[in-house]
């Protein structure tokens, strides 16, 4: 595929699809996830949306339970659509980490 062909395809995408494409490109350049951070001592060091204590695994679990992006944004009013795009990209890049965090937190919930 040539750059011109790629340009044509990119221009035909919706705004949301373009945002997803941009996130994929950013992530492929440096594998650092803009908008996602891990801080020792904060939420067990899990990957969270920057400047929040909202872990990526929590958002993925909401999604798996059938919540739409709009539902999640309504339940977490401090988040933006780009925060969710960052979370989805991170979860896609690190599925084992997210799965493990969900399992561990479900186990804790069942013990209480």
PDB file of N, CA and C in Angstrom:
ATOM      1  N   UNK A   1       0.854  -1.183   0.000  1.00  0.00           N
ATOM      2  CA  UNK A   1       0.000   0.000   0.000  1.00  0.00           C
ATOM      3  C   UNK A   1       0.893   1.237   0.000  1.00  0.00           C
ATOM      4  N   UNK A   2       0.544   2.186  -0.819  1.00  0.00           N
ATOM      5  CA  UNK A   2       1.307   3.430  -0.891  1.00  0.00           C
ATOM      6  C   UNK A   2       0.761   4.426   0.131  1.00  0.00           C
ATOM      7  N   UNK A   3       1.540   5.446   0.391  1.00  0.00           N
ATOM      8  CA  UNK A   3       1.102   6.512   1.301  1.00  0.00           C
ATOM      9  C   UNK A   3      -0.151   7.185   0.753  1.00  0.00           C
ATOM     10  N   UNK A   4      -0.213   7.397  -0.551  1.00  0.00           N
ATOM     11  CA  UNK A   4      -1.392   8.035  -1.146  1.00  0.00           C
ATOM     12  C   UNK A   4      -2.636   7.179  -0.936  1.00  0.00           C
ATOM     13  N   UNK A   5      -2.513   5.856  -1.107  1.00  0.00           N
ATOM     14  CA  UNK A   5      -3.653   4.959  -0.864  1.00  0.00           C
ATOM     15  C   UNK A   5      -4.071   5.011   0.603  1.00  0.00           C
ATOM     16  N   UNK A   6      -3.078   5.029   1.492  1.00  0.00           N
ATOM     17  CA  UNK A   6      -3.370   5.121   2.915  1.00  0.00           C
ATOM     18  C   UNK A   6      -4.068   6.442   3.241  1.00  0.00           C
ATOM     19  N   UNK A   7      -3.582   7.516   2.648  1.00  0.00           N
ATOM     20  CA  UNK A   7      -4.195   8.833   2.862  1.00  0.00           C
ATOM     21  C   UNK A   7      -5.658   8.811   2.445  1.00  0.00           C
ATOM     22  N   UNK A   8      -5.953   8.249   1.294  1.00  0.00           N
ATOM     23  CA  UNK A   8      -7.333   8.163   0.805  1.00  0.00           C
ATOM     24  C   UNK A   8      -8.213   7.386   1.783  1.00  0.00           C
ATOM     25  N   UNK A   9      -7.686   6.274   2.252  1.00  0.00           N
ATOM     26  CA  UNK A   9      -8.459   5.465   3.203  1.00  0.00           C
ATOM     27  C   UNK A   9      -8.659   6.197   4.524  1.00  0.00           C
ATOM     28  N   UNK A  10      -7.621   6.847   5.009  1.00  0.00           N
ATOM     29  CA  UNK A  10      -7.738   7.576   6.281  1.00  0.00           C
ATOM     30  C   UNK A  10      -8.775   8.698   6.194  1.00  0.00           C
ATOM     31  N   UNK A  11      -8.781   9.405   5.079  1.00  0.00           N
ATOM     32  CA  UNK A  11      -9.729  10.511   4.923  1.00  0.00           C
ATOM     33  C   UNK A  11     -11.176  10.034   4.849  1.00  0.00           C
ATOM     34  N   UNK A  12     -11.376   8.774   4.506  1.00  0.00           N
ATOM     35  CA  UNK A  12     -12.747   8.249   4.419  1.00  0.00           C
ATOM     36  C   UNK A  12     -13.280   7.759   5.770  1.00  0.00           C
ATOM     37  N   UNK A  13     -12.435   7.746   6.796  1.00  0.00           N
ATOM     38  CA  UNK A  13     -12.861   7.267   8.117  1.00  0.00           C
ATOM     39  C   UNK A  13     -13.725   8.300   8.833  1.00  0.00           C
ATOM     40  N   UNK A  14     -14.532   7.810   9.774  1.00  0.00           N
ATOM     41  CA  UNK A  14     -15.292   8.718  10.640  1.00  0.00           C
ATOM     42  C   UNK A  14     -14.316   9.366  11.624  1.00  0.00           C
ATOM     43  N   UNK A  15     -14.781  10.378  12.339  1.00  0.00           N
ATOM     44  CA  UNK A  15     -13.927  11.045  13.331  1.00  0.00           C
ATOM     45  C   UNK A  15     -13.453  10.059  14.394  1.00  0.00           C
ATOM     46  N   UNK A  16     -14.349   9.204  14.859  1.00  0.00           N
ATOM     47  CA  UNK A  16     -13.972   8.227  15.889  1.00  0.00           C
ATOM     48  C   UNK A  16     -12.940   7.235  15.346  1.00  0.00           C
ATOM     49  N   UNK A  17     -13.121   6.793  14.118  1.00  0.00           N
ATOM     50  CA  UNK A  17     -12.162   5.868  13.512  1.00  0.00           C
ATOM     51  C   UNK A  17     -10.801   6.541  13.308  1.00  0.00           C
ATOM     52  N   UNK A  18     -10.810   7.828  12.954  1.00  0.00           N
ATOM     53  CA  UNK A  18      -9.553   8.565  12.805  1.00  0.00           C
ATOM     54  C   UNK A  18      -8.836   8.669  14.144  1.00  0.00           C
ATOM     55  N   UNK A  19      -9.592   8.928  15.203  1.00  0.00           N
ATOM     56  CA  UNK A  19      -8.995   9.007  16.539  1.00  0.00           C
ATOM     57  C   UNK A  19      -8.369   7.662  16.923  1.00  0.00           C
ATOM     58  N   UNK A  20      -9.052   6.582  16.595  1.00  0.00           N
ATOM     59  CA  UNK A  20      -8.505   5.254  16.881  1.00  0.00           C
ATOM     60  C   UNK A  20      -7.236   5.008  16.064  1.00  0.00           C
ATOM     61  N   UNK A  21      -7.239   5.414  14.801  1.00  0.00           N
ATOM     62  CA  UNK A  21      -6.064   5.240  13.951  1.00  0.00           C
ATOM     63  C   UNK A  21      -4.884   6.045  14.496  1.00  0.00           C
ATOM     64  N   UNK A  22      -5.149   7.260  14.938  1.00  0.00           N
ATOM     65  CA  UNK A  22      -4.091   8.090  15.518  1.00  0.00           C
ATOM     66  C   UNK A  22      -3.517   7.412  16.754  1.00  0.00           C
ATOM     67  N   UNK A  23      -4.383   6.886  17.606  1.00  0.00           N
ATOM     68  CA  UNK A  23      -3.917   6.223  18.821  1.00  0.00           C
ATOM     69  C   UNK A  23      -3.059   5.008  18.480  1.00  0.00           C
ATOM     70  N   UNK A  24      -3.462   4.249  17.484  1.00  0.00           N
ATOM     71  CA  UNK A  24      -2.671   3.085  17.058  1.00  0.00           C
ATOM     72  C   UNK A  24      -1.291   3.533  16.588  1.00  0.00           C
ATOM     73  N   UNK A  25      -1.231   4.595  15.807  1.00  0.00           N
ATOM     74  CA  UNK A  25       0.055   5.094  15.313  1.00  0.00           C
ATOM     75  C   UNK A  25       0.936   5.596  16.449  1.00  0.00           C
ATOM     76  N   UNK A  26       0.360   6.347  17.363  1.00  0.00           N
ATOM     77  CA  UNK A  26       1.129   6.852  18.501  1.00  0.00           C
ATOM     78  C   UNK A  26       1.699   5.688  19.302  1.00  0.00           C
ATOM     79  N   UNK A  27       0.855   4.700  19.564  1.00  0.00           N
ATOM     80  CA  UNK A  27       1.301   3.562  20.356  1.00  0.00           C
ATOM     81  C   UNK A  27       2.385   2.768  19.650  1.00  0.00           C
ATOM     82  N   UNK A  28       2.313   2.679  18.338  1.00  0.00           N
ATOM     83  CA  UNK A  28       3.311   1.911  17.609  1.00  0.00           C
ATOM     84  C   UNK A  28       4.659   2.633  17.565  1.00  0.00           C
ATOM     85  N   UNK A  29       4.657   3.942  17.717  1.00  0.00           N
ATOM     86  CA  UNK A  29       5.902   4.698  17.664  1.00  0.00           C
ATOM     87  C   UNK A  29       6.760   4.509  18.903  1.00  0.00           C
ATOM     88  N   UNK A  30       6.130   4.525  20.055  1.00  0.00           N
ATOM     89  CA  UNK A  30       6.953   4.484  21.261  1.00  0.00           C
ATOM     90  C   UNK A  30       6.447   3.515  22.326  1.00  0.00           C
ATOM     91  N   UNK A  31       5.376   2.849  22.088  1.00  0.00           N
ATOM     92  CA  UNK A  31       4.785   1.893  23.025  1.00  0.00           C
ATOM     93  C   UNK A  31       4.522   2.497  24.407  1.00  0.00           C
ATOM     94  N   UNK A  32       4.616   3.811  24.521  1.00  0.00           N
ATOM     95  CA  UNK A  32       4.148   4.497  25.716  1.00  0.00           C
ATOM     96  C   UNK A  32       2.714   4.886  25.443  1.00  0.00           C
ATOM     97  N   UNK A  33       1.862   4.692  26.402  1.00  0.00           N
ATOM     98  CA  UNK A  33       0.457   4.950  26.176  1.00  0.00           C
ATOM     99  C   UNK A  33       0.087   6.308  26.740  1.00  0.00           C
ATOM    100  N   UNK A  34      -0.111   7.235  25.837  1.00  0.00           N
ATOM    101  CA  UNK A  34      -0.533   8.567  26.214  1.00  0.00           C
ATOM    102  C   UNK A  34      -1.833   8.459  26.990  1.00  0.00           C
ATOM    103  N   UNK A  35      -1.872   9.084  28.148  1.00  0.00           N
ATOM    104  CA  UNK A  35      -3.095   9.091  28.926  1.00  0.00           C
ATOM    105  C   UNK A  35      -3.239   7.939  29.893  1.00  0.00           C
ATOM    106  N   UNK A  36      -2.275   7.019  29.913  1.00  0.00           N
ATOM    107  CA  UNK A  36      -2.306   5.884  30.828  1.00  0.00           C
ATOM    108  C   UNK A  36      -1.032   5.930  31.659  1.00  0.00           C
ATOM    109  N   UNK A  37      -1.169   5.707  32.961  1.00  0.00           N
ATOM    110  CA  UNK A  37       0.019   5.706  33.807  1.00  0.00           C
ATOM    111  C   UNK A  37      -0.106   4.647  34.889  1.00  0.00           C
ATOM    112  N   UNK A  38       1.039   4.190  35.336  1.00  0.00           N
ATOM    113  CA  UNK A  38       1.129   3.273  36.467  1.00  0.00           C
ATOM    114  C   UNK A  38       1.932   3.989  37.540  1.00  0.00           C
ATOM    115  N   UNK A  39       1.367   4.063  38.730  1.00  0.00           N
ATOM    116  CA  UNK A  39       2.037   4.734  39.822  1.00  0.00           C
ATOM    117  C   UNK A  39       2.101   3.789  41.013  1.00  0.00           C
ATOM    118  N   UNK A  40       3.298   3.529  41.492  1.00  0.00           N
ATOM    119  CA  UNK A  40       3.472   2.665  42.646  1.00  0.00           C
ATOM    120  C   UNK A  40       2.656   3.217  43.813  1.00  0.00           C
ATOM    121  N   UNK A  41       1.881   2.339  44.432  1.00  0.00           N
ATOM    122  CA  UNK A  41       1.083   2.737  45.587  1.00  0.00           C
ATOM    123  C   UNK A  41      -0.279   3.314  45.250  1.00  0.00           C
ATOM    124  N   UNK A  42      -0.578   3.479  43.979  1.00  0.00           N
ATOM    125  CA  UNK A  42      -1.886   3.988  43.563  1.00  0.00           C
ATOM    126  C   UNK A  42      -2.623   2.849  42.867  1.00  0.00           C
ATOM    127  N   UNK A  43      -3.741   2.442  43.426  1.00  0.00           N
ATOM    128  CA  UNK A  43      -4.564   1.364  42.890  1.00  0.00           C
ATOM    129  C   UNK A  43      -3.700   0.121  42.607  1.00  0.00           C
ATOM    130  N   UNK A  44      -2.830  -0.186  43.541  1.00  0.00           N
ATOM    131  CA  UNK A  44      -1.994  -1.373  43.415  1.00  0.00           C
ATOM    132  C   UNK A  44      -1.001  -1.324  42.266  1.00  0.00           C
ATOM    133  N   UNK A  45      -0.735  -0.143  41.747  1.00  0.00           N
ATOM    134  CA  UNK A  45       0.192  -0.010  40.632  1.00  0.00           C
ATOM    135  C   UNK A  45      -0.416  -0.367  39.285  1.00  0.00           C
ATOM    136  N   UNK A  46      -1.742  -0.586  39.254  1.00  0.00           N
ATOM    137  CA  UNK A  46      -2.418  -0.920  37.993  1.00  0.00           C
ATOM    138  C   UNK A  46      -2.403   0.272  37.041  1.00  0.00           C
ATOM    139  N   UNK A  47      -2.508  -0.037  35.750  1.00  0.00           N
ATOM    140  CA  UNK A  47      -2.584   1.006  34.724  1.00  0.00           C
ATOM    141  C   UNK A  47      -3.892   1.773  34.890  1.00  0.00           C
ATOM    142  N   UNK A  48      -3.776   3.090  35.035  1.00  0.00           N
ATOM    143  CA  UNK A  48      -4.943   3.962  35.256  1.00  0.00           C
ATOM    144  C   UNK A  48      -4.959   5.096  34.245  1.00  0.00           C
ATOM    145  N   UNK A  49      -6.127   5.681  34.091  1.00  0.00           N
ATOM    146  CA  UNK A  49      -6.248   6.912  33.314  1.00  0.00           C
ATOM    147  C   UNK A  49      -5.482   7.987  34.077  1.00  0.00           C
ATOM    148  N   UNK A  50      -4.669   8.771  33.378  1.00  0.00           N
ATOM    149  CA  UNK A  50      -3.855   9.787  34.057  1.00  0.00           C
ATOM    150  C   UNK A  50      -4.707  10.709  34.921  1.00  0.00           C
ATOM    151  N   UNK A  51      -4.112  11.111  36.002  1.00  0.00           N
ATOM    152  CA  UNK A  51      -4.720  12.028  36.971  1.00  0.00           C
ATOM    153  C   UNK A  51      -6.009  11.480  37.586  1.00  0.00           C
ATOM    154  N   UNK A  52      -6.198  10.159  37.520  1.00  0.00           N
ATOM    155  CA  UNK A  52      -7.363   9.545  38.164  1.00  0.00           C
ATOM    156  C   UNK A  52      -6.905   8.278  38.880  1.00  0.00           C
ATOM    157  N   UNK A  53      -7.825   7.687  39.576  1.00  0.00           N
ATOM    158  CA  UNK A  53      -7.591   6.368  40.173  1.00  0.00           C
ATOM    159  C   UNK A  53      -8.511   5.350  39.500  1.00  0.00           C
ATOM    160  N   UNK A  54      -8.773   5.572  38.229  1.00  0.00           N
ATOM    161  CA  UNK A  54      -9.660   4.687  37.471  1.00  0.00           C
ATOM    162  C   UNK A  54      -8.794   3.737  36.653  1.00  0.00           C
ATOM    163  N   UNK A  55      -8.756   2.454  37.065  1.00  0.00           N
ATOM    164  CA  UNK A  55      -7.923   1.498  36.346  1.00  0.00           C
ATOM    165  C   UNK A  55      -8.518   1.101  34.994  1.00  0.00           C
ATOM    166  N   UNK A  56      -7.633   0.787  34.079  1.00  0.00           N
ATOM    167  CA  UNK A  56      -8.052   0.330  32.750  1.00  0.00           C
ATOM    168  C   UNK A  56      -8.883  -0.943  32.880  1.00  0.00           C
ATOM    169  N   UNK A  57      -8.483  -1.847  33.798  1.00  0.00           N
ATOM    170  CA  UNK A  57      -9.219  -3.105  33.921  1.00  0.00           C
ATOM    171  C   UNK A  57     -10.668  -2.862  34.334  1.00  0.00           C
ATOM    172  N   UNK A  58     -10.930  -1.841  35.136  1.00  0.00           N
ATOM    173  CA  UNK A  58     -12.300  -1.528  35.543  1.00  0.00           C
ATOM    174  C   UNK A  58     -13.134  -1.130  34.330  1.00  0.00           C
ATOM    175  N   UNK A  59     -12.564  -0.299  33.475  1.00  0.00           N
ATOM    176  CA  UNK A  59     -13.285   0.138  32.283  1.00  0.00           C
ATOM    177  C   UNK A  59     -13.535  -1.034  31.337  1.00  0.00           C
ATOM    178  N   UNK A  60     -12.535  -1.917  31.195  1.00  0.00           N
ATOM    179  CA  UNK A  60     -12.715  -3.097  30.348  1.00  0.00           C
ATOM    180  C   UNK A  60     -13.791  -4.009  30.921  1.00  0.00           C
ATOM    181  N   UNK A  61     -13.833  -4.134  32.221  1.00  0.00           N
ATOM    182  CA  UNK A  61     -14.845  -4.983  32.846  1.00  0.00           C
ATOM    183  C   UNK A  61     -16.239  -4.405  32.608  1.00  0.00           C
ATOM    184  N   UNK A  62     -16.380  -3.109  32.720  1.00  0.00           N
ATOM    185  CA  UNK A  62     -17.665  -2.463  32.406  1.00  0.00           C
ATOM    186  C   UNK A  62     -18.078  -2.804  30.978  1.00  0.00           C
ATOM    187  N   UNK A  63     -17.127  -2.684  30.081  1.00  0.00           N
ATOM    188  CA  UNK A  63     -17.409  -2.943  28.658  1.00  0.00           C
ATOM    189  C   UNK A  63     -17.856  -4.388  28.460  1.00  0.00           C
ATOM    190  N   UNK A  64     -17.180  -5.318  29.112  1.00  0.00           N
ATOM    191  CA  UNK A  64     -17.540  -6.732  28.994  1.00  0.00           C
ATOM    192  C   UNK A  64     -18.925  -7.030  29.561  1.00  0.00           C
ATOM    193  N   UNK A  65     -19.317  -6.246  30.534  1.00  0.00           N
ATOM    194  CA  UNK A  65     -20.634  -6.440  31.128  1.00  0.00           C
ATOM    195  C   UNK A  65     -21.736  -5.790  30.299  1.00  0.00           C
ATOM    196  N   UNK A  66     -21.360  -5.235  29.144  1.00  0.00           N
ATOM    197  CA  UNK A  66     -22.354  -4.704  28.218  1.00  0.00           C
ATOM    198  C   UNK A  66     -22.491  -3.200  28.190  1.00  0.00           C
ATOM    199  N   UNK A  67     -21.678  -2.501  28.969  1.00  0.00           N
ATOM    200  CA  UNK A  67     -21.768  -1.038  28.979  1.00  0.00           C
ATOM    201  C   UNK A  67     -21.179  -0.470  27.684  1.00  0.00           C
ATOM    202  N   UNK A  68     -21.869   0.501  27.126  1.00  0.00           N
ATOM    203  CA  UNK A  68     -21.354   1.203  25.945  1.00  0.00           C
ATOM    204  C   UNK A  68     -20.391   2.294  26.408  1.00  0.00           C
ATOM    205  N   UNK A  69     -19.675   2.879  25.470  1.00  0.00           N
ATOM    206  CA  UNK A  69     -18.808   4.000  25.825  1.00  0.00           C
ATOM    207  C   UNK A  69     -19.615   5.130  26.453  1.00  0.00           C
ATOM    208  N   UNK A  70     -20.793   5.391  25.922  1.00  0.00           N
ATOM    209  CA  UNK A  70     -21.640   6.442  26.487  1.00  0.00           C
ATOM    210  C   UNK A  70     -22.035   6.118  27.927  1.00  0.00           C
ATOM    211  N   UNK A  71     -22.352   4.842  28.195  1.00  0.00           N
ATOM    212  CA  UNK A  71     -22.687   4.430  29.566  1.00  0.00           C
ATOM    213  C   UNK A  71     -21.507   4.674  30.501  1.00  0.00           C
ATOM    214  N   UNK A  72     -20.332   4.285  30.045  1.00  0.00           N
ATOM    215  CA  UNK A  72     -19.133   4.437  30.873  1.00  0.00           C
ATOM    216  C   UNK A  72     -18.843   5.909  31.129  1.00  0.00           C
ATOM    217  N   UNK A  73     -18.950   6.723  30.091  1.00  0.00           N
ATOM    218  CA  UNK A  73     -18.710   8.167  30.268  1.00  0.00           C
ATOM    219  C   UNK A  73     -19.733   8.784  31.212  1.00  0.00           C
ATOM    220  N   UNK A  74     -20.942   8.270  31.196  1.00  0.00           N
ATOM    221  CA  UNK A  74     -21.966   8.758  32.119  1.00  0.00           C
ATOM    222  C   UNK A  74     -21.643   8.360  33.553  1.00  0.00           C
ATOM    223  N   UNK A  75     -21.151   7.126  33.740  1.00  0.00           N
ATOM    224  CA  UNK A  75     -20.809   6.638  35.080  1.00  0.00           C
ATOM    225  C   UNK A  75     -19.504   7.238  35.615  1.00  0.00           C
ATOM    226  N   UNK A  76     -18.637   7.662  34.714  1.00  0.00           N
ATOM    227  CA  UNK A  76     -17.355   8.269  35.081  1.00  0.00           C
ATOM    228  C   UNK A  76     -17.265   9.643  34.408  1.00  0.00           C
ATOM    229  N   UNK A  77     -17.972  10.637  34.930  1.00  0.00           N
ATOM    230  CA  UNK A  77     -18.066  11.937  34.251  1.00  0.00           C
ATOM    231  C   UNK A  77     -16.743  12.689  34.108  1.00  0.00           C
ATOM    232  N   UNK A  78     -15.715  12.289  34.834  1.00  0.00           N
ATOM    233  CA  UNK A  78     -14.419  12.970  34.678  1.00  0.00           C
ATOM    234  C   UNK A  78     -13.642  12.459  33.472  1.00  0.00           C
ATOM    235  N   UNK A  79     -14.110  11.376  32.861  1.00  0.00           N
ATOM    236  CA  UNK A  79     -13.423  10.814  31.699  1.00  0.00           C
ATOM    237  C   UNK A  79     -13.918  11.442  30.402  1.00  0.00           C
ATOM    238  N   UNK A  80     -13.049  11.426  29.413  1.00  0.00           N
ATOM    239  CA  UNK A  80     -13.399  11.920  28.075  1.00  0.00           C
ATOM    240  C   UNK A  80     -13.387  10.743  27.097  1.00  0.00           C
ATOM    241  N   UNK A  81     -13.969  10.931  25.927  1.00  0.00           N
ATOM    242  CA  UNK A  81     -13.897   9.863  24.917  1.00  0.00           C
ATOM    243  C   UNK A  81     -12.459   9.455  24.596  1.00  0.00           C
ATOM    244  N   UNK A  82     -11.547  10.407  24.582  1.00  0.00           N
ATOM    245  CA  UNK A  82     -10.145  10.053  24.293  1.00  0.00           C
ATOM    246  C   UNK A  82      -9.541   9.211  25.416  1.00  0.00           C
ATOM    247  N   UNK A  83      -9.996   9.421  26.659  1.00  0.00           N
ATOM    248  CA  UNK A  83      -9.539   8.561  27.760  1.00  0.00           C
ATOM    249  C   UNK A  83      -9.933   7.109  27.490  1.00  0.00           C
ATOM    250  N   UNK A  84     -11.142   6.915  26.991  1.00  0.00           N
ATOM    251  CA  UNK A  84     -11.585   5.550  26.688  1.00  0.00           C
ATOM    252  C   UNK A  84     -10.784   4.963  25.530  1.00  0.00           C
ATOM    253  N   UNK A  85     -10.518   5.751  24.506  1.00  0.00           N
ATOM    254  CA  UNK A  85      -9.701   5.258  23.392  1.00  0.00           C
ATOM    255  C   UNK A  85      -8.325   4.826  23.886  1.00  0.00           C
ATOM    256  N   UNK A  86      -7.751   5.614  24.793  1.00  0.00           N
ATOM    257  CA  UNK A  86      -6.452   5.250  25.360  1.00  0.00           C
ATOM    258  C   UNK A  86      -6.561   3.953  26.148  1.00  0.00           C
ATOM    259  N   UNK A  87      -7.630   3.805  26.919  1.00  0.00           N
ATOM    260  CA  UNK A  87      -7.823   2.591  27.715  1.00  0.00           C
ATOM    261  C   UNK A  87      -7.991   1.379  26.812  1.00  0.00           C
ATOM    262  N   UNK A  88      -8.784   1.502  25.753  1.00  0.00           N
ATOM    263  CA  UNK A  88      -9.006   0.364  24.854  1.00  0.00           C
ATOM    264  C   UNK A  88      -7.707  -0.021  24.154  1.00  0.00           C
ATOM    265  N   UNK A  89      -6.927   0.967  23.749  1.00  0.00           N
ATOM    266  CA  UNK A  89      -5.647   0.674  23.080  1.00  0.00           C
ATOM    267  C   UNK A  89      -4.695  -0.031  24.046  1.00  0.00           C
ATOM    268  N   UNK A  90      -4.654   0.430  25.281  1.00  0.00           N
ATOM    269  CA  UNK A  90      -3.787  -0.195  26.280  1.00  0.00           C
ATOM    270  C   UNK A  90      -4.227  -1.632  26.529  1.00  0.00           C
ATOM    271  N   UNK A  91      -5.527  -1.826  26.704  1.00  0.00           N
ATOM    272  CA  UNK A  91      -6.058  -3.166  26.973  1.00  0.00           C
ATOM    273  C   UNK A  91      -5.776  -4.109  25.805  1.00  0.00           C
ATOM    274  N   UNK A  92      -5.823  -3.589  24.598  1.00  0.00           N
ATOM    275  CA  UNK A  92      -5.530  -4.414  23.425  1.00  0.00           C
ATOM    276  C   UNK A  92      -4.053  -4.795  23.381  1.00  0.00           C
ATOM    277  N   UNK A  93      -3.192  -3.887  23.807  1.00  0.00           N
ATOM    278  CA  UNK A  93      -1.755  -4.151  23.788  1.00  0.00           C
ATOM    279  C   UNK A  93      -1.318  -5.083  24.920  1.00  0.00           C
ATOM    280  N   UNK A  94      -2.039  -5.057  26.037  1.00  0.00           N
ATOM    281  CA  UNK A  94      -1.664  -5.838  27.217  1.00  0.00           C
ATOM    282  C   UNK A  94      -2.840  -6.665  27.738  1.00  0.00           C
ATOM    283  N   UNK A  95      -3.389  -7.551  26.912  1.00  0.00           N
ATOM    284  CA  UNK A  95      -4.582  -8.302  27.330  1.00  0.00           C
ATOM    285  C   UNK A  95      -4.344  -9.209  28.531  1.00  0.00           C
ATOM    286  N   UNK A  96      -3.165  -9.801  28.636  1.00  0.00           N
ATOM    287  CA  UNK A  96      -2.890 -10.693  29.769  1.00  0.00           C
ATOM    288  C   UNK A  96      -2.882  -9.924  31.093  1.00  0.00           C
ATOM    289  N   UNK A  97      -2.290  -8.746  31.070  1.00  0.00           N
ATOM    290  CA  UNK A  97      -2.258  -7.897  32.271  1.00  0.00           C
ATOM    291  C   UNK A  97      -3.675  -7.525  32.710  1.00  0.00           C
ATOM    292  N   UNK A  98      -4.507  -7.144  31.757  1.00  0.00           N
ATOM    293  CA  UNK A  98      -5.875  -6.739  32.069  1.00  0.00           C
ATOM    294  C   UNK A  98      -6.680  -7.927  32.587  1.00  0.00           C
ATOM    295  N   UNK A  99      -6.539  -9.085  31.932  1.00  0.00           N
ATOM    296  CA  UNK A  99      -7.249 -10.298  32.363  1.00  0.00           C
ATOM    297  C   UNK A  99      -6.874 -10.662  33.788  1.00  0.00           C
ATOM    298  N   UNK A 100      -5.586 -10.604  34.082  1.00  0.00           N
ATOM    299  CA  UNK A 100      -5.123 -10.950  35.425  1.00  0.00           C
ATOM    300  C   UNK A 100      -5.690  -9.988  36.463  1.00  0.00           C
ATOM    301  N   UNK A 101      -5.687  -8.709  36.166  1.00  0.00           N
ATOM    302  CA  UNK A 101      -6.220  -7.720  37.108  1.00  0.00           C
ATOM    303  C   UNK A 101      -7.714  -7.942  37.347  1.00  0.00           C
ATOM    304  N   UNK A 102      -8.452  -8.253  36.297  1.00  0.00           N
ATOM    305  CA  UNK A 102      -9.891  -8.517  36.458  1.00  0.00           C
ATOM    306  C   UNK A 102     -10.091  -9.742  37.337  1.00  0.00           C
ATOM    307  N   UNK A 103      -9.350 -10.822  37.049  1.00  0.00           N
ATOM    308  CA  UNK A 103      -9.472 -12.049  37.860  1.00  0.00           C
ATOM    309  C   UNK A 103      -9.142 -11.787  39.322  1.00  0.00           C
ATOM    310  N   UNK A 104      -8.024 -11.099  39.577  1.00  0.00           N
ATOM    311  CA  UNK A 104      -7.606 -10.829  40.948  1.00  0.00           C
ATOM    312  C   UNK A 104      -8.647 -10.010  41.693  1.00  0.00           C
ATOM    313  N   UNK A 105      -9.229  -9.042  41.036  1.00  0.00           N
ATOM    314  CA  UNK A 105     -10.219  -8.192  41.700  1.00  0.00           C
ATOM    315  C   UNK A 105     -11.550  -8.907  41.875  1.00  0.00           C
ATOM    316  N   UNK A 106     -11.890  -9.825  40.985  1.00  0.00           N
ATOM    317  CA  UNK A 106     -13.092 -10.632  41.182  1.00  0.00           C
ATOM    318  C   UNK A 106     -12.910 -11.566  42.366  1.00  0.00           C
ATOM    319  N   UNK A 107     -11.712 -12.140  42.521  1.00  0.00           N
ATOM    320  CA  UNK A 107     -11.425 -13.013  43.648  1.00  0.00           C
ATOM    321  C   UNK A 107     -11.560 -12.269  44.965  1.00  0.00           C
ATOM    322  N   UNK A 108     -11.053 -11.048  45.019  1.00  0.00           N
ATOM    323  CA  UNK A 108     -11.164 -10.231  46.231  1.00  0.00           C
ATOM    324  C   UNK A 108     -12.625  -9.951  46.532  1.00  0.00           C
ATOM    325  N   UNK A 109     -13.410  -9.652  45.497  1.00  0.00           N
ATOM    326  CA  UNK A 109     -14.835  -9.368  45.686  1.00  0.00           C
ATOM    327  C   UNK A 109     -15.564 -10.583  46.239  1.00  0.00           C
ATOM    328  N   UNK A 110     -15.225 -11.772  45.752  1.00  0.00           N
ATOM    329  CA  UNK A 110     -15.895 -12.980  46.212  1.00  0.00           C
ATOM    330  C   UNK A 110     -15.519 -13.323  47.642  1.00  0.00           C
ATOM    331  N   UNK A 111     -14.310 -12.942  48.080  1.00  0.00           N
ATOM    332  CA  UNK A 111     -13.870 -13.231  49.429  1.00  0.00           C
ATOM    333  C   UNK A 111     -14.545 -12.328  50.452  1.00  0.00           C
ATOM    334  N   UNK A 112     -14.980 -11.173  50.047  1.00  0.00           N
ATOM    335  CA  UNK A 112     -15.591 -10.216  50.998  1.00  0.00           C
ATOM    336  C   UNK A 112     -17.032 -10.437  51.165  1.00  0.00           C
TER     337      UNK A 112
END
